[in-house]
Amino acid sequence: MSQFGELIQRIRSLDKNMRFEELKRVIEYYGYKMSGPSGGSSHKTFRKPGEMPITIPQHDPIKKAYVEMVKDLIEKEESKDEE
């Protein structure tokens, strides 16, 4: 399995040791663009036309709730591919 495939598997299993950069890589793979606030916030927002934005704090490890958000994104994007 490729490194990217292994990364997807870790997200699907809700790995507790996910890092921000790993989630960023997957989110950007699905066409989202990252933007950060001009202030001192650690939260980054990912946007894609026609989709709800996703905001994730830039901390390591990432909390399970944010990994679940990315897991839902993957499932949604894959269901679009099947249509």
PDB file of N, CA and C in Angstrom:
ATOM      1  N   MET A   1       0.858  -1.174   0.000  1.00  0.00           N
ATOM      2  CA  MET A   1       0.000   0.000   0.000  1.00  0.00           C
ATOM      3  C   MET A   1       0.906   1.240   0.000  1.00  0.00           C
ATOM      4  N   SER A   2       0.498   2.263  -0.723  1.00  0.00           N
ATOM      5  CA  SER A   2       1.278   3.495  -0.797  1.00  0.00           C
ATOM      6  C   SER A   2       1.241   4.238   0.533  1.00  0.00           C
ATOM      7  N   GLN A   3       2.150   5.197   0.685  1.00  0.00           N
ATOM      8  CA  GLN A   3       2.160   5.999   1.912  1.00  0.00           C
ATOM      9  C   GLN A   3       0.858   6.769   2.056  1.00  0.00           C
ATOM     10  N   PHE A   4       0.324   7.271   0.931  1.00  0.00           N
ATOM     11  CA  PHE A   4      -0.929   8.020   0.994  1.00  0.00           C
ATOM     12  C   PHE A   4      -2.068   7.090   1.406  1.00  0.00           C
ATOM     13  N   GLY A   5      -2.084   5.880   0.873  1.00  0.00           N
ATOM     14  CA  GLY A   5      -3.103   4.896   1.248  1.00  0.00           C
ATOM     15  C   GLY A   5      -3.031   4.559   2.729  1.00  0.00           C
ATOM     16  N   GLU A   6      -1.819   4.441   3.250  1.00  0.00           N
ATOM     17  CA  GLU A   6      -1.645   4.168   4.674  1.00  0.00           C
ATOM     18  C   GLU A   6      -2.146   5.345   5.513  1.00  0.00           C
ATOM     19  N   LEU A   7      -1.919   6.548   5.022  1.00  0.00           N
ATOM     20  CA  LEU A   7      -2.398   7.745   5.711  1.00  0.00           C
ATOM     21  C   LEU A   7      -3.922   7.756   5.767  1.00  0.00           C
ATOM     22  N   ILE A   8      -4.573   7.422   4.663  1.00  0.00           N
ATOM     23  CA  ILE A   8      -6.034   7.347   4.619  1.00  0.00           C
ATOM     24  C   ILE A   8      -6.530   6.292   5.619  1.00  0.00           C
ATOM     25  N   GLN A   9      -5.849   5.147   5.672  1.00  0.00           N
ATOM     26  CA  GLN A   9      -6.233   4.086   6.617  1.00  0.00           C
ATOM     27  C   GLN A   9      -6.120   4.558   8.059  1.00  0.00           C
ATOM     28  N   ARG A  10      -5.068   5.315   8.364  1.00  0.00           N
ATOM     29  CA  ARG A  10      -4.899   5.835   9.725  1.00  0.00           C
ATOM     30  C   ARG A  10      -6.034   6.792  10.075  1.00  0.00           C
ATOM     31  N   ILE A  11      -6.447   7.612   9.128  1.00  0.00           N
ATOM     32  CA  ILE A  11      -7.555   8.533   9.374  1.00  0.00           C
ATOM     33  C   ILE A  11      -8.841   7.741   9.589  1.00  0.00           C
ATOM     34  N   ARG A  12      -9.076   6.754   8.753  1.00  0.00           N
ATOM     35  CA  ARG A  12     -10.290   5.940   8.894  1.00  0.00           C
ATOM     36  C   ARG A  12     -10.348   5.210  10.225  1.00  0.00           C
ATOM     37  N   SER A  13      -9.196   4.845  10.757  1.00  0.00           N
ATOM     38  CA  SER A  13      -9.168   4.149  12.049  1.00  0.00           C
ATOM     39  C   SER A  13      -9.143   5.135  13.216  1.00  0.00           C
ATOM     40  N   LEU A  14      -9.226   6.435  12.912  1.00  0.00           N
ATOM     41  CA  LEU A  14      -9.220   7.512  13.915  1.00  0.00           C
ATOM     42  C   LEU A  14      -7.986   7.432  14.812  1.00  0.00           C
ATOM     43  N   ASP A  15      -6.841   7.274  14.176  1.00  0.00           N
ATOM     44  CA  ASP A  15      -5.548   7.227  14.869  1.00  0.00           C
ATOM     45  C   ASP A  15      -5.391   8.437  15.795  1.00  0.00           C
ATOM     46  N   LYS A  16      -4.976   8.188  17.028  1.00  0.00           N
ATOM     47  CA  LYS A  16      -4.828   9.260  18.018  1.00  0.00           C
ATOM     48  C   LYS A  16      -3.579  10.096  17.799  1.00  0.00           C
ATOM     49  N   ASN A  17      -2.682   9.646  16.953  1.00  0.00           N
ATOM     50  CA  ASN A  17      -1.407  10.326  16.770  1.00  0.00           C
ATOM     51  C   ASN A  17      -1.298  11.066  15.432  1.00  0.00           C
ATOM     52  N   MET A  18      -2.422  11.479  14.892  1.00  0.00           N
ATOM     53  CA  MET A  18      -2.402  12.203  13.620  1.00  0.00           C
ATOM     54  C   MET A  18      -1.790  13.586  13.828  1.00  0.00           C
ATOM     55  N   ARG A  19      -1.035  14.022  12.831  1.00  0.00           N
ATOM     56  CA  ARG A  19      -0.402  15.334  12.885  1.00  0.00           C
ATOM     57  C   ARG A  19      -1.120  16.280  11.922  1.00  0.00           C
ATOM     58  N   PHE A  20      -1.028  17.566  12.196  1.00  0.00           N
ATOM     59  CA  PHE A  20      -1.679  18.564  11.363  1.00  0.00           C
ATOM     60  C   PHE A  20      -1.242  18.433   9.906  1.00  0.00           C
ATOM     61  N   GLU A  21       0.040  18.287   9.665  1.00  0.00           N
ATOM     62  CA  GLU A  21       0.554  18.217   8.291  1.00  0.00           C
ATOM     63  C   GLU A  21      -0.022  17.019   7.531  1.00  0.00           C
ATOM     64  N   GLU A  22      -0.284  15.930   8.227  1.00  0.00           N
ATOM     65  CA  GLU A  22      -0.859  14.751   7.579  1.00  0.00           C
ATOM     66  C   GLU A  22      -2.297  15.033   7.146  1.00  0.00           C
ATOM     67  N   LEU A  23      -3.083  15.654   8.030  1.00  0.00           N
ATOM     68  CA  LEU A  23      -4.464  15.985   7.666  1.00  0.00           C
ATOM     69  C   LEU A  23      -4.486  17.023   6.551  1.00  0.00           C
ATOM     70  N   LYS A  24      -3.589  17.985   6.637  1.00  0.00           N
ATOM     71  CA  LYS A  24      -3.498  19.022   5.600  1.00  0.00           C
ATOM     72  C   LYS A  24      -3.249  18.388   4.235  1.00  0.00           C
ATOM     73  N   ARG A  25      -2.348  17.435   4.178  1.00  0.00           N
ATOM     74  CA  ARG A  25      -2.027  16.762   2.911  1.00  0.00           C
ATOM     75  C   ARG A  25      -3.268  16.103   2.303  1.00  0.00           C
ATOM     76  N   VAL A  26      -4.046  15.436   3.129  1.00  0.00           N
ATOM     77  CA  VAL A  26      -5.244  14.742   2.641  1.00  0.00           C
ATOM     78  C   VAL A  26      -6.311  15.748   2.208  1.00  0.00           C
ATOM     79  N   ILE A  27      -6.543  16.766   3.018  1.00  0.00           N
ATOM     80  CA  ILE A  27      -7.569  17.767   2.690  1.00  0.00           C
ATOM     81  C   ILE A  27      -7.218  18.465   1.378  1.00  0.00           C
ATOM     82  N   GLU A  28      -5.951  18.844   1.211  1.00  0.00           N
ATOM     83  CA  GLU A  28      -5.540  19.512  -0.018  1.00  0.00           C
ATOM     84  C   GLU A  28      -5.615  18.579  -1.222  1.00  0.00           C
ATOM     85  N   TYR A  29      -5.420  17.289  -1.010  1.00  0.00           N
ATOM     86  CA  TYR A  29      -5.559  16.313  -2.093  1.00  0.00           C
ATOM     87  C   TYR A  29      -6.955  16.373  -2.707  1.00  0.00           C
ATOM     88  N   TYR A  30      -7.959  16.630  -1.875  1.00  0.00           N
ATOM     89  CA  TYR A  30      -9.342  16.690  -2.351  1.00  0.00           C
ATOM     90  C   TYR A  30      -9.740  18.087  -2.844  1.00  0.00           C
ATOM     91  N   GLY A  31      -8.775  18.958  -3.061  1.00  0.00           N
ATOM     92  CA  GLY A  31      -9.042  20.233  -3.710  1.00  0.00           C
ATOM     93  C   GLY A  31      -9.300  21.421  -2.808  1.00  0.00           C
ATOM     94  N   TYR A  32      -9.133  21.256  -1.526  1.00  0.00           N
ATOM     95  CA  TYR A  32      -9.326  22.371  -0.598  1.00  0.00           C
ATOM     96  C   TYR A  32      -8.058  23.211  -0.539  1.00  0.00           C
ATOM     97  N   LYS A  33      -8.206  24.508  -0.332  1.00  0.00           N
ATOM     98  CA  LYS A  33      -7.079  25.429  -0.198  1.00  0.00           C
ATOM     99  C   LYS A  33      -7.051  25.953   1.230  1.00  0.00           C
ATOM    100  N   MET A  34      -5.862  25.989   1.820  1.00  0.00           N
ATOM    101  CA  MET A  34      -5.721  26.436   3.201  1.00  0.00           C
ATOM    102  C   MET A  34      -5.517  27.942   3.272  1.00  0.00           C
ATOM    103  N   SER A  35      -6.169  28.543   4.253  1.00  0.00           N
ATOM    104  CA  SER A  35      -5.926  29.951   4.554  1.00  0.00           C
ATOM    105  C   SER A  35      -5.875  30.093   6.067  1.00  0.00           C
ATOM    106  N   GLY A  36      -5.047  31.013   6.509  1.00  0.00           N
ATOM    107  CA  GLY A  36      -4.922  31.251   7.939  1.00  0.00           C
ATOM    108  C   GLY A  36      -5.353  32.663   8.265  1.00  0.00           C
ATOM    109  N   PRO A  37      -5.695  32.904   9.487  1.00  0.00           N
ATOM    110  CA  PRO A  37      -6.095  34.252   9.881  1.00  0.00           C
ATOM    111  C   PRO A  37      -4.895  35.187   9.888  1.00  0.00           C
ATOM    112  N   SER A  38      -5.152  36.473   9.757  1.00  0.00           N
ATOM    113  CA  SER A  38      -4.060  37.439   9.761  1.00  0.00           C
ATOM    114  C   SER A  38      -3.548  37.673  11.180  1.00  0.00           C
ATOM    115  N   GLY A  39      -4.351  37.298  12.176  1.00  0.00           N
ATOM    116  CA  GLY A  39      -3.955  37.460  13.574  1.00  0.00           C
ATOM    117  C   GLY A  39      -3.126  36.287  14.062  1.00  0.00           C
ATOM    118  N   GLY A  40      -3.093  36.097  15.356  1.00  0.00           N
ATOM    119  CA  GLY A  40      -2.246  35.073  15.950  1.00  0.00           C
ATOM    120  C   GLY A  40      -2.906  33.735  16.193  1.00  0.00           C
ATOM    121  N   SER A  41      -4.047  33.475  15.596  1.00  0.00           N
ATOM    122  CA  SER A  41      -4.747  32.217  15.832  1.00  0.00           C
ATOM    123  C   SER A  41      -4.003  31.040  15.203  1.00  0.00           C
ATOM    124  N   SER A  42      -4.088  29.900  15.843  1.00  0.00           N
ATOM    125  CA  SER A  42      -3.453  28.693  15.314  1.00  0.00           C
ATOM    126  C   SER A  42      -4.398  27.901  14.432  1.00  0.00           C
ATOM    127  N   HIS A  43      -5.627  28.350  14.276  1.00  0.00           N
ATOM    128  CA  HIS A  43      -6.606  27.618  13.475  1.00  0.00           C
ATOM    129  C   HIS A  43      -6.456  27.961  11.999  1.00  0.00           C
ATOM    130  N   LYS A  44      -6.466  26.931  11.177  1.00  0.00           N
ATOM    131  CA  LYS A  44      -6.376  27.089   9.721  1.00  0.00           C
ATOM    132  C   LYS A  44      -7.695  26.645   9.112  1.00  0.00           C
ATOM    133  N   THR A  45      -8.139  27.373   8.097  1.00  0.00           N
ATOM    134  CA  THR A  45      -9.397  27.057   7.437  1.00  0.00           C
ATOM    135  C   THR A  45      -9.108  26.578   6.028  1.00  0.00           C
ATOM    136  N   PHE A  46      -9.769  25.496   5.647  1.00  0.00           N
ATOM    137  CA  PHE A  46      -9.635  24.918   4.307  1.00  0.00           C
ATOM    138  C   PHE A  46     -10.941  25.162   3.578  1.00  0.00           C
ATOM    139  N   ARG A  47     -10.838  25.715   2.365  1.00  0.00           N
ATOM    140  CA  ARG A  47     -12.033  26.052   1.597  1.00  0.00           C
ATOM    141  C   ARG A  47     -11.983  25.426   0.203  1.00  0.00           C
ATOM    142  N   LYS A  48     -13.170  25.082  -0.263  1.00  0.00           N
ATOM    143  CA  LYS A  48     -13.338  24.553  -1.612  1.00  0.00           C
ATOM    144  C   LYS A  48     -14.662  25.095  -2.122  1.00  0.00           C
ATOM    145  N   PRO A  49     -14.689  25.638  -3.337  1.00  0.00           N
ATOM    146  CA  PRO A  49     -15.954  26.187  -3.863  1.00  0.00           C
ATOM    147  C   PRO A  49     -17.085  25.160  -3.792  1.00  0.00           C
ATOM    148  N   GLY A  50     -18.224  25.596  -3.278  1.00  0.00           N
ATOM    149  CA  GLY A  50     -19.398  24.740  -3.193  1.00  0.00           C
ATOM    150  C   GLY A  50     -19.433  23.833  -1.983  1.00  0.00           C
ATOM    151  N   GLU A  51     -18.416  23.902  -1.116  1.00  0.00           N
ATOM    152  CA  GLU A  51     -18.351  23.034   0.065  1.00  0.00           C
ATOM    153  C   GLU A  51     -18.234  23.885   1.322  1.00  0.00           C
ATOM    154  N   MET A  52     -18.646  23.309   2.441  1.00  0.00           N
ATOM    155  CA  MET A  52     -18.501  23.981   3.725  1.00  0.00           C
ATOM    156  C   MET A  52     -17.016  24.040   4.091  1.00  0.00           C
ATOM    157  N   PRO A  53     -16.565  25.161   4.656  1.00  0.00           N
ATOM    158  CA  PRO A  53     -15.161  25.224   5.075  1.00  0.00           C
ATOM    159  C   PRO A  53     -14.887  24.304   6.256  1.00  0.00           C
ATOM    160  N   ILE A  54     -13.639  23.887   6.373  1.00  0.00           N
ATOM    161  CA  ILE A  54     -13.201  23.023   7.467  1.00  0.00           C
ATOM    162  C   ILE A  54     -12.119  23.789   8.223  1.00  0.00           C
ATOM    163  N   THR A  55     -12.286  23.940   9.530  1.00  0.00           N
ATOM    164  CA  THR A  55     -11.300  24.638  10.351  1.00  0.00           C
ATOM    165  C   THR A  55     -10.661  23.657  11.318  1.00  0.00           C
ATOM    166  N   ILE A  56      -9.330  23.648  11.318  1.00  0.00           N
ATOM    167  CA  ILE A  56      -8.562  22.719  12.151  1.00  0.00           C
ATOM    168  C   ILE A  56      -7.443  23.490  12.848  1.00  0.00           C
ATOM    169  N   PRO A  57      -7.233  23.256  14.152  1.00  0.00           N
ATOM    170  CA  PRO A  57      -6.121  23.916  14.835  1.00  0.00           C
ATOM    171  C   PRO A  57      -4.792  23.277  14.428  1.00  0.00           C
ATOM    172  N   GLN A  58      -3.777  24.097  14.339  1.00  0.00           N
ATOM    173  CA  GLN A  58      -2.465  23.591  13.945  1.00  0.00           C
ATOM    174  C   GLN A  58      -1.704  23.155  15.200  1.00  0.00           C
ATOM    175  N   HIS A  59      -2.109  22.000  15.731  1.00  0.00           N
ATOM    176  CA  HIS A  59      -1.492  21.413  16.917  1.00  0.00           C
ATOM    177  C   HIS A  59      -1.167  19.959  16.601  1.00  0.00           C
ATOM    178  N   ASP A  60      -0.226  19.413  17.336  1.00  0.00           N
ATOM    179  CA  ASP A  60       0.100  17.996  17.211  1.00  0.00           C
ATOM    180  C   ASP A  60       0.094  17.371  18.594  1.00  0.00           C
ATOM    181  N   PRO A  61      -0.522  16.229  18.805  1.00  0.00           N
ATOM    182  CA  PRO A  61      -1.395  15.544  17.851  1.00  0.00           C
ATOM    183  C   PRO A  61      -2.752  16.244  17.758  1.00  0.00           C
ATOM    184  N   ILE A  62      -3.467  15.944  16.683  1.00  0.00           N
ATOM    185  CA  ILE A  62      -4.782  16.522  16.432  1.00  0.00           C
ATOM    186  C   ILE A  62      -5.824  15.755  17.252  1.00  0.00           C
ATOM    187  N   LYS A  63      -6.771  16.472  17.816  1.00  0.00           N
ATOM    188  CA  LYS A  63      -7.837  15.818  18.584  1.00  0.00           C
ATOM    189  C   LYS A  63      -8.715  14.967  17.666  1.00  0.00           C
ATOM    190  N   LYS A  64      -9.273  13.941  18.242  1.00  0.00           N
ATOM    191  CA  LYS A  64     -10.086  12.962  17.512  1.00  0.00           C
ATOM    192  C   LYS A  64     -11.230  13.612  16.731  1.00  0.00           C
ATOM    193  N   ALA A  65     -11.849  14.642  17.281  1.00  0.00           N
ATOM    194  CA  ALA A  65     -12.979  15.288  16.603  1.00  0.00           C
ATOM    195  C   ALA A  65     -12.576  15.831  15.237  1.00  0.00           C
ATOM    196  N   TYR A  66     -11.358  16.346  15.112  1.00  0.00           N
ATOM    197  CA  TYR A  66     -10.902  16.890  13.840  1.00  0.00           C
ATOM    198  C   TYR A  66     -10.540  15.777  12.857  1.00  0.00           C
ATOM    199  N   VAL A  67     -10.009  14.682  13.381  1.00  0.00           N
ATOM    200  CA  VAL A  67      -9.719  13.522  12.524  1.00  0.00           C
ATOM    201  C   VAL A  67     -11.035  12.976  11.977  1.00  0.00           C
ATOM    202  N   GLU A  68     -12.081  12.960  12.808  1.00  0.00           N
ATOM    203  CA  GLU A  68     -13.400  12.510  12.357  1.00  0.00           C
ATOM    204  C   GLU A  68     -13.929  13.405  11.239  1.00  0.00           C
ATOM    205  N   MET A  69     -13.681  14.719  11.333  1.00  0.00           N
ATOM    206  CA  MET A  69     -14.124  15.639  10.277  1.00  0.00           C
ATOM    207  C   MET A  69     -13.459  15.288   8.953  1.00  0.00           C
ATOM    208  N   VAL A  70     -12.175  14.984   8.993  1.00  0.00           N
ATOM    209  CA  VAL A  70     -11.452  14.638   7.772  1.00  0.00           C
ATOM    210  C   VAL A  70     -11.909  13.269   7.259  1.00  0.00           C
ATOM    211  N   LYS A  71     -12.183  12.352   8.156  1.00  0.00           N
ATOM    212  CA  LYS A  71     -12.711  11.037   7.756  1.00  0.00           C
ATOM    213  C   LYS A  71     -14.036  11.220   7.010  1.00  0.00           C
ATOM    214  N   ASP A  72     -14.914  12.074   7.535  1.00  0.00           N
ATOM    215  CA  ASP A  72     -16.195  12.345   6.873  1.00  0.00           C
ATOM    216  C   ASP A  72     -15.971  12.968   5.493  1.00  0.00           C
ATOM    217  N   LEU A  73     -14.988  13.851   5.397  1.00  0.00           N
ATOM    218  CA  LEU A  73     -14.653  14.478   4.111  1.00  0.00           C
ATOM    219  C   LEU A  73     -14.227  13.417   3.103  1.00  0.00           C
ATOM    220  N   ILE A  74     -13.366  12.505   3.517  1.00  0.00           N
ATOM    221  CA  ILE A  74     -12.892  11.437   2.632  1.00  0.00           C
ATOM    222  C   ILE A  74     -14.074  10.605   2.133  1.00  0.00           C
ATOM    223  N   GLU A  75     -14.945  10.214   3.048  1.00  0.00           N
ATOM    224  CA  GLU A  75     -16.097   9.391   2.666  1.00  0.00           C
ATOM    225  C   GLU A  75     -17.016  10.143   1.708  1.00  0.00           C
ATOM    226  N   LYS A  76     -17.215  11.416   1.948  1.00  0.00           N
ATOM    227  CA  LYS A  76     -18.061  12.229   1.070  1.00  0.00           C
ATOM    228  C   LYS A  76     -17.446  12.346  -0.318  1.00  0.00           C
ATOM    229  N   GLU A  77     -16.154  12.621  -0.378  1.00  0.00           N
ATOM    230  CA  GLU A  77     -15.469  12.753  -1.670  1.00  0.00           C
ATOM    231  C   GLU A  77     -15.451  11.436  -2.433  1.00  0.00           C
ATOM    232  N   GLU A  78     -15.249  10.331  -1.730  1.00  0.00           N
ATOM    233  CA  GLU A  78     -15.234   9.031  -2.400  1.00  0.00           C
ATOM    234  C   GLU A  78     -16.612   8.642  -2.913  1.00  0.00           C
ATOM    235  N   SER A  79     -17.668   9.046  -2.204  1.00  0.00           N
ATOM    236  CA  SER A  79     -19.018   8.736  -2.673  1.00  0.00           C
ATOM    237  C   SER A  79     -19.324   9.539  -3.939  1.00  0.00           C
ATOM    238  N   LYS A  80     -18.753  10.729  -4.079  1.00  0.00           N
ATOM    239  CA  LYS A  80     -18.919  11.510  -5.319  1.00  0.00           C
ATOM    240  C   LYS A  80     -18.261  10.796  -6.498  1.00  0.00           C
ATOM    241  N   ASP A  81     -17.093  10.199  -6.238  1.00  0.00           N
ATOM    242  CA  ASP A  81     -16.370   9.483  -7.291  1.00  0.00           C
ATOM    243  C   ASP A  81     -17.135   8.275  -7.799  1.00  0.00           C
ATOM    244  N   GLU A  82     -17.925   7.658  -6.917  1.00  0.00           N
ATOM    245  CA  GLU A  82     -18.667   6.456  -7.282  1.00  0.00           C
ATOM    246  C   GLU A  82     -19.903   6.769  -8.117  1.00  0.00           C
ATOM    247  N   GLU A  83     -20.366   8.012  -8.066  1.00  0.00           N
ATOM    248  CA  GLU A  83     -21.596   8.379  -8.782  1.00  0.00           C
ATOM    249  C   GLU A  83     -21.360   8.470 -10.274  1.00  0.00           C
TER     250      GLU A  83
END
